[in-house]
Amino acid sequence: PDKRETENKTIRFPVPLINEIEAALEG
C-alpha cells in the first residue's frame, strides 16, 4: 500500500491485463 502526491494521466490497458491485475490485487 502507498499514498503520495499524484497527477492524473490516462492510459489504455488491454482488458485481459486489467483482469489479471485486479485478480492479483484482491485482498
mmCIF file of all heavy atoms, coordinates in Angstrom:
data_MODEL
# 
_entry.id   MODEL 
# 
loop_
_atom_site.group_PDB 
_atom_site.id 
_atom_site.type_symbol 
_atom_site.label_atom_id 
_atom_site.label_alt_id 
_atom_site.label_comp_id 
_atom_site.label_asym_id 
_atom_site.label_entity_id 
_atom_site.label_seq_id 
_atom_site.pdbx_PDB_ins_code 
_atom_site.Cartn_x 
_atom_site.Cartn_y 
_atom_site.Cartn_z 
_atom_site.occupancy 
_atom_site.B_iso_or_equiv 
_atom_site.pdbx_formal_charge 
_atom_site.auth_seq_id 
_atom_site.auth_comp_id 
_atom_site.auth_asym_id 
_atom_site.auth_atom_id 
_atom_site.pdbx_PDB_model_num 
ATOM 1   N N   . PRO A 1 1  ? 0.841   -1.201  0.000   1.00 0.00 ? 1  PRO A N   1 
ATOM 2   C CA  . PRO A 1 1  ? 0.000   0.000   0.000   1.00 0.00 ? 1  PRO A CA  1 
ATOM 3   C C   . PRO A 1 1  ? 0.876   1.251   0.000   1.00 0.00 ? 1  PRO A C   1 
ATOM 4   O O   . PRO A 1 1  ? 1.974   1.241   0.545   1.00 0.00 ? 1  PRO A O   1 
ATOM 5   C CB  . PRO A 1 1  ? -0.800  -0.100  1.298   1.00 0.00 ? 1  PRO A CB  1 
ATOM 6   C CG  . PRO A 1 1  ? -0.122  -1.127  2.122   1.00 0.00 ? 1  PRO A CG  1 
ATOM 7   C CD  . PRO A 1 1  ? 0.735   -1.959  1.222   1.00 0.00 ? 1  PRO A CD  1 
ATOM 8   N N   . ASP A 1 2  ? 0.379   2.326   -0.637  1.00 0.00 ? 2  ASP A N   1 
ATOM 9   C CA  . ASP A 1 2  ? 1.178   3.538   -0.714  1.00 0.00 ? 2  ASP A CA  1 
ATOM 10  C C   . ASP A 1 2  ? 0.288   4.745   -0.956  1.00 0.00 ? 2  ASP A C   1 
ATOM 11  O O   . ASP A 1 2  ? -0.666  4.672   -1.713  1.00 0.00 ? 2  ASP A O   1 
ATOM 12  C CB  . ASP A 1 2  ? 2.193   3.417   -1.852  1.00 0.00 ? 2  ASP A CB  1 
ATOM 13  C CG  . ASP A 1 2  ? 3.241   4.511   -1.829  1.00 0.00 ? 2  ASP A CG  1 
ATOM 14  O OD1 . ASP A 1 2  ? 3.661   4.904   -0.732  1.00 0.00 ? 2  ASP A OD1 1 
ATOM 15  O OD2 . ASP A 1 2  ? 3.625   4.970   -2.900  1.00 0.00 ? 2  ASP A OD2 1 
ATOM 16  N N   . LYS A 1 3  ? 0.597   5.846   -0.328  1.00 0.00 ? 3  LYS A N   1 
ATOM 17  C CA  . LYS A 1 3  ? -0.110  7.118   -0.534  1.00 0.00 ? 3  LYS A CA  1 
ATOM 18  C C   . LYS A 1 3  ? 0.933   8.194   -0.782  1.00 0.00 ? 3  LYS A C   1 
ATOM 19  O O   . LYS A 1 3  ? 1.909   8.305   -0.051  1.00 0.00 ? 3  LYS A O   1 
ATOM 20  C CB  . LYS A 1 3  ? -0.926  7.494   0.705   1.00 0.00 ? 3  LYS A CB  1 
ATOM 21  C CG  . LYS A 1 3  ? -1.990  6.508   1.079   1.00 0.00 ? 3  LYS A CG  1 
ATOM 22  C CD  . LYS A 1 3  ? -3.199  6.718   0.229   1.00 0.00 ? 3  LYS A CD  1 
ATOM 23  C CE  . LYS A 1 3  ? -4.296  5.765   0.682   1.00 0.00 ? 3  LYS A CE  1 
ATOM 24  N NZ  . LYS A 1 3  ? -5.428  5.751   -0.137  1.00 0.00 ? 3  LYS A NZ  1 
ATOM 25  N N   . ARG A 1 4  ? 0.739   9.002   -1.828  1.00 0.00 ? 4  ARG A N   1 
ATOM 26  C CA  . ARG A 1 4  ? 1.635   10.123  -2.104  1.00 0.00 ? 4  ARG A CA  1 
ATOM 27  C C   . ARG A 1 4  ? 0.958   11.105  -3.050  1.00 0.00 ? 4  ARG A C   1 
ATOM 28  O O   . ARG A 1 4  ? -0.082  10.810  -3.613  1.00 0.00 ? 4  ARG A O   1 
ATOM 29  C CB  . ARG A 1 4  ? 2.961   9.631   -2.680  1.00 0.00 ? 4  ARG A CB  1 
ATOM 30  C CG  . ARG A 1 4  ? 2.815   8.877   -3.996  1.00 0.00 ? 4  ARG A CG  1 
ATOM 31  C CD  . ARG A 1 4  ? 4.138   8.437   -4.530  1.00 0.00 ? 4  ARG A CD  1 
ATOM 32  N NE  . ARG A 1 4  ? 4.308   7.037   -4.197  1.00 0.00 ? 4  ARG A NE  1 
ATOM 33  C CZ  . ARG A 1 4  ? 5.319   6.326   -4.560  1.00 0.00 ? 4  ARG A CZ  1 
ATOM 34  N NH1 . ARG A 1 4  ? 6.271   6.847   -5.272  1.00 0.00 ? 4  ARG A NH1 1 
ATOM 35  N NH2 . ARG A 1 4  ? 5.417   5.064   -4.242  1.00 0.00 ? 4  ARG A NH2 1 
ATOM 36  N N   . GLU A 1 5  ? 1.562   12.264  -3.237  1.00 0.00 ? 5  GLU A N   1 
ATOM 37  C CA  . GLU A 1 5  ? 1.018   13.272  -4.153  1.00 0.00 ? 5  GLU A CA  1 
ATOM 38  C C   . GLU A 1 5  ? 1.016   12.698  -5.562  1.00 0.00 ? 5  GLU A C   1 
ATOM 39  O O   . GLU A 1 5  ? 1.978   12.070  -5.987  1.00 0.00 ? 5  GLU A O   1 
ATOM 40  C CB  . GLU A 1 5  ? 1.887   14.523  -4.095  1.00 0.00 ? 5  GLU A CB  1 
ATOM 41  C CG  . GLU A 1 5  ? 1.360   15.641  -4.946  1.00 0.00 ? 5  GLU A CG  1 
ATOM 42  C CD  . GLU A 1 5  ? 2.230   16.882  -4.865  1.00 0.00 ? 5  GLU A CD  1 
ATOM 43  O OE1 . GLU A 1 5  ? 3.147   16.940  -4.040  1.00 0.00 ? 5  GLU A OE1 1 
ATOM 44  O OE2 . GLU A 1 5  ? 1.969   17.787  -5.671  1.00 0.00 ? 5  GLU A OE2 1 
ATOM 45  N N   . THR A 1 6  ? -0.051  12.938  -6.299  1.00 0.00 ? 6  THR A N   1 
ATOM 46  C CA  . THR A 1 6  ? -0.170  12.356  -7.638  1.00 0.00 ? 6  THR A CA  1 
ATOM 47  C C   . THR A 1 6  ? -0.688  13.371  -8.652  1.00 0.00 ? 6  THR A C   1 
ATOM 48  O O   . THR A 1 6  ? -1.180  14.438  -8.300  1.00 0.00 ? 6  THR A O   1 
ATOM 49  C CB  . THR A 1 6  ? -1.135  11.150  -7.634  1.00 0.00 ? 6  THR A CB  1 
ATOM 50  O OG1 . THR A 1 6  ? -2.429  11.591  -7.234  1.00 0.00 ? 6  THR A OG1 1 
ATOM 51  C CG2 . THR A 1 6  ? -0.651  10.052  -6.706  1.00 0.00 ? 6  THR A CG2 1 
ATOM 52  N N   . GLU A 1 7  ? -0.594  12.995  -9.907  1.00 0.00 ? 7  GLU A N   1 
ATOM 53  C CA  . GLU A 1 7  ? -1.153  13.753  -11.027 1.00 0.00 ? 7  GLU A CA  1 
ATOM 54  C C   . GLU A 1 7  ? -1.851  12.748  -11.930 1.00 0.00 ? 7  GLU A C   1 
ATOM 55  O O   . GLU A 1 7  ? -1.374  11.626  -12.107 1.00 0.00 ? 7  GLU A O   1 
ATOM 56  C CB  . GLU A 1 7  ? -0.021  14.432  -11.796 1.00 0.00 ? 7  GLU A CB  1 
ATOM 57  C CG  . GLU A 1 7  ? -0.495  15.236  -12.980 1.00 0.00 ? 7  GLU A CG  1 
ATOM 58  C CD  . GLU A 1 7  ? 0.654   15.921  -13.698 1.00 0.00 ? 7  GLU A CD  1 
ATOM 59  O OE1 . GLU A 1 7  ? 1.602   16.358  -13.027 1.00 0.00 ? 7  GLU A OE1 1 
ATOM 60  O OE2 . GLU A 1 7  ? 0.592   16.006  -14.934 1.00 0.00 ? 7  GLU A OE2 1 
ATOM 61  N N   . ASN A 1 8  ? -2.979  13.122  -12.508 1.00 0.00 ? 8  ASN A N   1 
ATOM 62  C CA  . ASN A 1 8  ? -3.726  12.217  -13.373 1.00 0.00 ? 8  ASN A CA  1 
ATOM 63  C C   . ASN A 1 8  ? -3.067  12.078  -14.740 1.00 0.00 ? 8  ASN A C   1 
ATOM 64  O O   . ASN A 1 8  ? -2.646  13.067  -15.348 1.00 0.00 ? 8  ASN A O   1 
ATOM 65  C CB  . ASN A 1 8  ? -5.161  12.711  -13.572 1.00 0.00 ? 8  ASN A CB  1 
ATOM 66  C CG  . ASN A 1 8  ? -6.007  12.512  -12.349 1.00 0.00 ? 8  ASN A CG  1 
ATOM 67  O OD1 . ASN A 1 8  ? -5.763  11.629  -11.550 1.00 0.00 ? 8  ASN A OD1 1 
ATOM 68  N ND2 . ASN A 1 8  ? -7.018  13.351  -12.195 1.00 0.00 ? 8  ASN A ND2 1 
ATOM 69  N N   . LYS A 1 9  ? -2.983  10.843  -15.209 1.00 0.00 ? 9  LYS A N   1 
ATOM 70  C CA  . LYS A 1 9  ? -2.565  10.508  -16.569 1.00 0.00 ? 9  LYS A CA  1 
ATOM 71  C C   . LYS A 1 9  ? -3.540  9.441   -17.062 1.00 0.00 ? 9  LYS A C   1 
ATOM 72  O O   . LYS A 1 9  ? -3.960  8.580   -16.293 1.00 0.00 ? 9  LYS A O   1 
ATOM 73  C CB  . LYS A 1 9  ? -1.150  9.923   -16.605 1.00 0.00 ? 9  LYS A CB  1 
ATOM 74  C CG  . LYS A 1 9  ? -0.072  10.899  -16.212 1.00 0.00 ? 9  LYS A CG  1 
ATOM 75  C CD  . LYS A 1 9  ? 0.136   11.926  -17.288 1.00 0.00 ? 9  LYS A CD  1 
ATOM 76  C CE  . LYS A 1 9  ? 1.242   12.885  -16.912 1.00 0.00 ? 9  LYS A CE  1 
ATOM 77  N NZ  . LYS A 1 9  ? 1.391   13.951  -17.863 1.00 0.00 ? 9  LYS A NZ  1 
ATOM 78  N N   . THR A 1 10 ? -3.894  9.481   -18.315 1.00 0.00 ? 10 THR A N   1 
ATOM 79  C CA  . THR A 1 10 ? -4.807  8.488   -18.864 1.00 0.00 ? 10 THR A CA  1 
ATOM 80  C C   . THR A 1 10 ? -4.037  7.540   -19.769 1.00 0.00 ? 10 THR A C   1 
ATOM 81  O O   . THR A 1 10 ? -3.337  7.981   -20.682 1.00 0.00 ? 10 THR A O   1 
ATOM 82  C CB  . THR A 1 10 ? -5.931  9.176   -19.671 1.00 0.00 ? 10 THR A CB  1 
ATOM 83  O OG1 . THR A 1 10 ? -6.614  10.075  -18.804 1.00 0.00 ? 10 THR A OG1 1 
ATOM 84  C CG2 . THR A 1 10 ? -6.892  8.166   -20.233 1.00 0.00 ? 10 THR A CG2 1 
ATOM 85  N N   . ILE A 1 11 ? -4.148  6.250   -19.479 1.00 0.00 ? 11 ILE A N   1 
ATOM 86  C CA  . ILE A 1 11 ? -3.523  5.236   -20.326 1.00 0.00 ? 11 ILE A CA  1 
ATOM 87  C C   . ILE A 1 11 ? -4.541  4.131   -20.591 1.00 0.00 ? 11 ILE A C   1 
ATOM 88  O O   . ILE A 1 11 ? -5.504  3.973   -19.842 1.00 0.00 ? 11 ILE A O   1 
ATOM 89  C CB  . ILE A 1 11 ? -2.245  4.645   -19.693 1.00 0.00 ? 11 ILE A CB  1 
ATOM 90  C CG1 . ILE A 1 11 ? -2.548  4.010   -18.349 1.00 0.00 ? 11 ILE A CG1 1 
ATOM 91  C CG2 . ILE A 1 11 ? -1.175  5.706   -19.549 1.00 0.00 ? 11 ILE A CG2 1 
ATOM 92  C CD1 . ILE A 1 11 ? -1.374  3.283   -17.748 1.00 0.00 ? 11 ILE A CD1 1 
ATOM 93  N N   . ARG A 1 12 ? -4.339  3.393   -21.655 1.00 0.00 ? 12 ARG A N   1 
ATOM 94  C CA  . ARG A 1 12 ? -5.249  2.304   -22.004 1.00 0.00 ? 12 ARG A CA  1 
ATOM 95  C C   . ARG A 1 12 ? -4.559  0.971   -21.745 1.00 0.00 ? 12 ARG A C   1 
ATOM 96  O O   . ARG A 1 12 ? -3.402  0.792   -22.105 1.00 0.00 ? 12 ARG A O   1 
ATOM 97  C CB  . ARG A 1 12 ? -5.660  2.398   -23.464 1.00 0.00 ? 12 ARG A CB  1 
ATOM 98  C CG  . ARG A 1 12 ? -6.440  3.652   -23.759 1.00 0.00 ? 12 ARG A CG  1 
ATOM 99  C CD  . ARG A 1 12 ? -6.834  3.704   -25.234 1.00 0.00 ? 12 ARG A CD  1 
ATOM 100 N NE  . ARG A 1 12 ? -7.440  4.968   -25.561 1.00 0.00 ? 12 ARG A NE  1 
ATOM 101 C CZ  . ARG A 1 12 ? -8.728  5.240   -25.411 1.00 0.00 ? 12 ARG A CZ  1 
ATOM 102 N NH1 . ARG A 1 12 ? -9.544  4.323   -24.940 1.00 0.00 ? 12 ARG A NH1 1 
ATOM 103 N NH2 . ARG A 1 12 ? -9.207  6.414   -25.736 1.00 0.00 ? 12 ARG A NH2 1 
ATOM 104 N N   . PHE A 1 13 ? -5.293  0.055   -21.117 1.00 0.00 ? 13 PHE A N   1 
ATOM 105 C CA  . PHE A 1 13 ? -4.797  -1.286  -20.830 1.00 0.00 ? 13 PHE A CA  1 
ATOM 106 C C   . PHE A 1 13 ? -5.627  -2.305  -21.593 1.00 0.00 ? 13 PHE A C   1 
ATOM 107 O O   . PHE A 1 13 ? -6.849  -2.145  -21.699 1.00 0.00 ? 13 PHE A O   1 
ATOM 108 C CB  . PHE A 1 13 ? -4.942  -1.608  -19.339 1.00 0.00 ? 13 PHE A CB  1 
ATOM 109 C CG  . PHE A 1 13 ? -3.957  -0.919  -18.462 1.00 0.00 ? 13 PHE A CG  1 
ATOM 110 C CD1 . PHE A 1 13 ? -4.192  0.358   -17.998 1.00 0.00 ? 13 PHE A CD1 1 
ATOM 111 C CD2 . PHE A 1 13 ? -2.796  -1.565  -18.071 1.00 0.00 ? 13 PHE A CD2 1 
ATOM 112 C CE1 . PHE A 1 13 ? -3.285  0.996   -17.167 1.00 0.00 ? 13 PHE A CE1 1 
ATOM 113 C CE2 . PHE A 1 13 ? -1.884  -0.942  -17.242 1.00 0.00 ? 13 PHE A CE2 1 
ATOM 114 C CZ  . PHE A 1 13 ? -2.124  0.343   -16.791 1.00 0.00 ? 13 PHE A CZ  1 
ATOM 115 N N   . PRO A 1 14 ? -5.017  -3.369  -22.063 1.00 0.00 ? 14 PRO A N   1 
ATOM 116 C CA  . PRO A 1 14 ? -5.814  -4.459  -22.632 1.00 0.00 ? 14 PRO A CA  1 
ATOM 117 C C   . PRO A 1 14 ? -6.690  -5.061  -21.521 1.00 0.00 ? 14 PRO A C   1 
ATOM 118 O O   . PRO A 1 14 ? -6.233  -5.212  -20.376 1.00 0.00 ? 14 PRO A O   1 
ATOM 119 C CB  . PRO A 1 14 ? -4.768  -5.471  -23.105 1.00 0.00 ? 14 PRO A CB  1 
ATOM 120 C CG  . PRO A 1 14 ? -3.480  -4.707  -23.169 1.00 0.00 ? 14 PRO A CG  1 
ATOM 121 C CD  . PRO A 1 14 ? -3.585  -3.611  -22.163 1.00 0.00 ? 14 PRO A CD  1 
ATOM 122 N N   . VAL A 1 15 ? -7.933  -5.389  -21.849 1.00 0.00 ? 15 VAL A N   1 
ATOM 123 C CA  . VAL A 1 15 ? -8.873  -5.912  -20.856 1.00 0.00 ? 15 VAL A CA  1 
ATOM 124 C C   . VAL A 1 15 ? -8.324  -7.149  -20.140 1.00 0.00 ? 15 VAL A C   1 
ATOM 125 O O   . VAL A 1 15 ? -8.436  -7.241  -18.910 1.00 0.00 ? 15 VAL A O   1 
ATOM 126 C CB  . VAL A 1 15 ? -10.258 -6.177  -21.497 1.00 0.00 ? 15 VAL A CB  1 
ATOM 127 C CG1 . VAL A 1 15 ? -11.186 -6.893  -20.532 1.00 0.00 ? 15 VAL A CG1 1 
ATOM 128 C CG2 . VAL A 1 15 ? -10.876 -4.863  -21.959 1.00 0.00 ? 15 VAL A CG2 1 
ATOM 129 N N   . PRO A 1 16 ? -7.707  -8.103  -20.845 1.00 0.00 ? 16 PRO A N   1 
ATOM 130 C CA  . PRO A 1 16 ? -7.178  -9.268  -20.113 1.00 0.00 ? 16 PRO A CA  1 
ATOM 131 C C   . PRO A 1 16 ? -6.120  -8.888  -19.065 1.00 0.00 ? 16 PRO A C   1 
ATOM 132 O O   . PRO A 1 16 ? -6.066  -9.488  -17.989 1.00 0.00 ? 16 PRO A O   1 
ATOM 133 C CB  . PRO A 1 16 ? -6.566  -10.145 -21.213 1.00 0.00 ? 16 PRO A CB  1 
ATOM 134 C CG  . PRO A 1 16 ? -7.293  -9.756  -22.457 1.00 0.00 ? 16 PRO A CG  1 
ATOM 135 C CD  . PRO A 1 16 ? -7.567  -8.287  -22.299 1.00 0.00 ? 16 PRO A CD  1 
ATOM 136 N N   . LEU A 1 17 ? -5.317  -7.870  -19.352 1.00 0.00 ? 17 LEU A N   1 
ATOM 137 C CA  . LEU A 1 17 ? -4.314  -7.423  -18.394 1.00 0.00 ? 17 LEU A CA  1 
ATOM 138 C C   . LEU A 1 17 ? -4.986  -6.784  -17.182 1.00 0.00 ? 17 LEU A C   1 
ATOM 139 O O   . LEU A 1 17 ? -4.581  -7.019  -16.037 1.00 0.00 ? 17 LEU A O   1 
ATOM 140 C CB  . LEU A 1 17 ? -3.343  -6.440  -19.046 1.00 0.00 ? 17 LEU A CB  1 
ATOM 141 C CG  . LEU A 1 17 ? -2.234  -5.893  -18.149 1.00 0.00 ? 17 LEU A CG  1 
ATOM 142 C CD1 . LEU A 1 17 ? -1.384  -7.023  -17.563 1.00 0.00 ? 17 LEU A CD1 1 
ATOM 143 C CD2 . LEU A 1 17 ? -1.360  -4.923  -18.936 1.00 0.00 ? 17 LEU A CD2 1 
ATOM 144 N N   . ILE A 1 18 ? -6.021  -5.993  -17.405 1.00 0.00 ? 18 ILE A N   1 
ATOM 145 C CA  . ILE A 1 18 ? -6.775  -5.401  -16.304 1.00 0.00 ? 18 ILE A CA  1 
ATOM 146 C C   . ILE A 1 18 ? -7.319  -6.507  -15.401 1.00 0.00 ? 18 ILE A C   1 
ATOM 147 O O   . ILE A 1 18 ? -7.213  -6.436  -14.171 1.00 0.00 ? 18 ILE A O   1 
ATOM 148 C CB  . ILE A 1 18 ? -7.930  -4.521  -16.825 1.00 0.00 ? 18 ILE A CB  1 
ATOM 149 C CG1 . ILE A 1 18 ? -7.373  -3.267  -17.489 1.00 0.00 ? 18 ILE A CG1 1 
ATOM 150 C CG2 . ILE A 1 18 ? -8.904  -4.157  -15.700 1.00 0.00 ? 18 ILE A CG2 1 
ATOM 151 C CD1 . ILE A 1 18 ? -8.415  -2.439  -18.217 1.00 0.00 ? 18 ILE A CD1 1 
ATOM 152 N N   . ASN A 1 19 ? -7.883  -7.535  -16.009 1.00 0.00 ? 19 ASN A N   1 
ATOM 153 C CA  . ASN A 1 19 ? -8.443  -8.637  -15.232 1.00 0.00 ? 19 ASN A CA  1 
ATOM 154 C C   . ASN A 1 19 ? -7.372  -9.344  -14.402 1.00 0.00 ? 19 ASN A C   1 
ATOM 155 O O   . ASN A 1 19 ? -7.601  -9.683  -13.240 1.00 0.00 ? 19 ASN A O   1 
ATOM 156 C CB  . ASN A 1 19 ? -9.149  -9.641  -16.152 1.00 0.00 ? 19 ASN A CB  1 
ATOM 157 C CG  . ASN A 1 19 ? -10.372 -9.034  -16.813 1.00 0.00 ? 19 ASN A CG  1 
ATOM 158 O OD1 . ASN A 1 19 ? -10.961 -8.076  -16.314 1.00 0.00 ? 19 ASN A OD1 1 
ATOM 159 N ND2 . ASN A 1 19 ? -10.756 -9.586  -17.950 1.00 0.00 ? 19 ASN A ND2 1 
ATOM 160 N N   . GLU A 1 20 ? -6.195  -9.548  -14.977 1.00 0.00 ? 20 GLU A N   1 
ATOM 161 C CA  . GLU A 1 20 ? -5.097  -10.188 -14.241 1.00 0.00 ? 20 GLU A CA  1 
ATOM 162 C C   . GLU A 1 20 ? -4.633  -9.330  -13.072 1.00 0.00 ? 20 GLU A C   1 
ATOM 163 O O   . GLU A 1 20 ? -4.387  -9.832  -11.977 1.00 0.00 ? 20 GLU A O   1 
ATOM 164 C CB  . GLU A 1 20 ? -3.910  -10.451 -15.166 1.00 0.00 ? 20 GLU A CB  1 
ATOM 165 C CG  . GLU A 1 20 ? -4.086  -11.621 -16.092 1.00 0.00 ? 20 GLU A CG  1 
ATOM 166 C CD  . GLU A 1 20 ? -2.803  -11.912 -16.845 1.00 0.00 ? 20 GLU A CD  1 
ATOM 167 O OE1 . GLU A 1 20 ? -1.796  -12.290 -16.215 1.00 0.00 ? 20 GLU A OE1 1 
ATOM 168 O OE2 . GLU A 1 20 ? -2.825  -11.736 -18.079 1.00 0.00 ? 20 GLU A OE2 1 
ATOM 169 N N   . ILE A 1 21 ? -4.503  -8.039  -13.312 1.00 0.00 ? 21 ILE A N   1 
ATOM 170 C CA  . ILE A 1 21 ? -4.062  -7.123  -12.256 1.00 0.00 ? 21 ILE A CA  1 
ATOM 171 C C   . ILE A 1 21 ? -5.085  -7.087  -11.131 1.00 0.00 ? 21 ILE A C   1 
ATOM 172 O O   . ILE A 1 21 ? -4.734  -7.203  -9.951  1.00 0.00 ? 21 ILE A O   1 
ATOM 173 C CB  . ILE A 1 21 ? -3.809  -5.709  -12.814 1.00 0.00 ? 21 ILE A CB  1 
ATOM 174 C CG1 . ILE A 1 21 ? -2.605  -5.728  -13.760 1.00 0.00 ? 21 ILE A CG1 1 
ATOM 175 C CG2 . ILE A 1 21 ? -3.596  -4.700  -11.683 1.00 0.00 ? 21 ILE A CG2 1 
ATOM 176 C CD1 . ILE A 1 21 ? -2.430  -4.450  -14.571 1.00 0.00 ? 21 ILE A CD1 1 
ATOM 177 N N   . GLU A 1 22 ? -6.355  -6.945  -11.475 1.00 0.00 ? 22 GLU A N   1 
ATOM 178 C CA  . GLU A 1 22 ? -7.397  -6.892  -10.449 1.00 0.00 ? 22 GLU A CA  1 
ATOM 179 C C   . GLU A 1 22 ? -7.445  -8.179  -9.630  1.00 0.00 ? 22 GLU A C   1 
ATOM 180 O O   . GLU A 1 22 ? -7.633  -8.139  -8.412  1.00 0.00 ? 22 GLU A O   1 
ATOM 181 C CB  . GLU A 1 22 ? -8.747  -6.572  -11.082 1.00 0.00 ? 22 GLU A CB  1 
ATOM 182 C CG  . GLU A 1 22 ? -8.815  -5.123  -11.550 1.00 0.00 ? 22 GLU A CG  1 
ATOM 183 C CD  . GLU A 1 22 ? -10.089 -4.766  -12.273 1.00 0.00 ? 22 GLU A CD  1 
ATOM 184 O OE1 . GLU A 1 22 ? -10.816 -5.683  -12.745 1.00 0.00 ? 22 GLU A OE1 1 
ATOM 185 O OE2 . GLU A 1 22 ? -10.368 -3.557  -12.390 1.00 0.00 ? 22 GLU A OE2 1 
ATOM 186 N N   . ALA A 1 23 ? -7.237  -9.321  -10.275 1.00 0.00 ? 23 ALA A N   1 
ATOM 187 C CA  . ALA A 1 23 ? -7.203  -10.587 -9.546  1.00 0.00 ? 23 ALA A CA  1 
ATOM 188 C C   . ALA A 1 23 ? -6.015  -10.632 -8.583  1.00 0.00 ? 23 ALA A C   1 
ATOM 189 O O   . ALA A 1 23 ? -6.133  -11.094 -7.448  1.00 0.00 ? 23 ALA A O   1 
ATOM 190 C CB  . ALA A 1 23 ? -7.144  -11.763 -10.530 1.00 0.00 ? 23 ALA A CB  1 
ATOM 191 N N   . ALA A 1 24 ? -4.854  -10.122 -9.018  1.00 0.00 ? 24 ALA A N   1 
ATOM 192 C CA  . ALA A 1 24 ? -3.658  -10.103 -8.172  1.00 0.00 ? 24 ALA A CA  1 
ATOM 193 C C   . ALA A 1 24 ? -3.823  -9.163  -6.990  1.00 0.00 ? 24 ALA A C   1 
ATOM 194 O O   . ALA A 1 24 ? -3.223  -9.382  -5.929  1.00 0.00 ? 24 ALA A O   1 
ATOM 195 C CB  . ALA A 1 24 ? -2.439  -9.701  -9.000  1.00 0.00 ? 24 ALA A CB  1 
ATOM 196 N N   . LEU A 1 25 ? -4.651  -8.134  -7.130  1.00 0.00 ? 25 LEU A N   1 
ATOM 197 C CA  . LEU A 1 25 ? -4.821  -7.131  -6.085  1.00 0.00 ? 25 LEU A CA  1 
ATOM 198 C C   . LEU A 1 25 ? -5.847  -7.520  -5.025  1.00 0.00 ? 25 LEU A C   1 
ATOM 199 O O   . LEU A 1 25 ? -5.902  -6.884  -3.976  1.00 0.00 ? 25 LEU A O   1 
ATOM 200 C CB  . LEU A 1 25 ? -5.227  -5.790  -6.704  1.00 0.00 ? 25 LEU A CB  1 
ATOM 201 C CG  . LEU A 1 25 ? -4.163  -5.115  -7.562  1.00 0.00 ? 25 LEU A CG  1 
ATOM 202 C CD1 . LEU A 1 25 ? -4.722  -3.858  -8.197  1.00 0.00 ? 25 LEU A CD1 1 
ATOM 203 C CD2 . LEU A 1 25 ? -2.925  -4.811  -6.749  1.00 0.00 ? 25 LEU A CD2 1 
ATOM 204 N N   . GLU A 1 26 ? -6.631  -8.560  -5.280  1.00 0.00 ? 26 GLU A N   1 
ATOM 205 C CA  . GLU A 1 26 ? -7.665  -8.958  -4.317  1.00 0.00 ? 26 GLU A CA  1 
ATOM 206 C C   . GLU A 1 26 ? -7.046  -9.192  -2.948  1.00 0.00 ? 26 GLU A C   1 
ATOM 207 O O   . GLU A 1 26 ? -6.073  -9.922  -2.804  1.00 0.00 ? 26 GLU A O   1 
ATOM 208 C CB  . GLU A 1 26 ? -8.388  -10.214 -4.797  1.00 0.00 ? 26 GLU A CB  1 
ATOM 209 C CG  . GLU A 1 26 ? -9.350  -9.943  -5.920  1.00 0.00 ? 26 GLU A CG  1 
ATOM 210 C CD  . GLU A 1 26 ? -10.111 -11.180 -6.358  1.00 0.00 ? 26 GLU A CD  1 
ATOM 211 O OE1 . GLU A 1 26 ? -10.244 -12.130 -5.566  1.00 0.00 ? 26 GLU A OE1 1 
ATOM 212 O OE2 . GLU A 1 26 ? -10.556 -11.198 -7.521  1.00 0.00 ? 26 GLU A OE2 1 
ATOM 213 N N   . GLY A 1 27 ? -7.605  -8.523  -1.945  1.00 0.00 ? 27 GLY A N   1 
ATOM 214 C CA  . GLY A 1 27 ? -7.166  -8.694  -0.576  1.00 0.00 ? 27 GLY A CA  1 
ATOM 215 C C   . GLY A 1 27 ? -5.879  -7.975  -0.206  1.00 0.00 ? 27 GLY A C   1 
ATOM 216 O O   . GLY A 1 27 ? -5.364  -8.160  0.888   1.00 0.00 ? 27 GLY A O   1 
# 
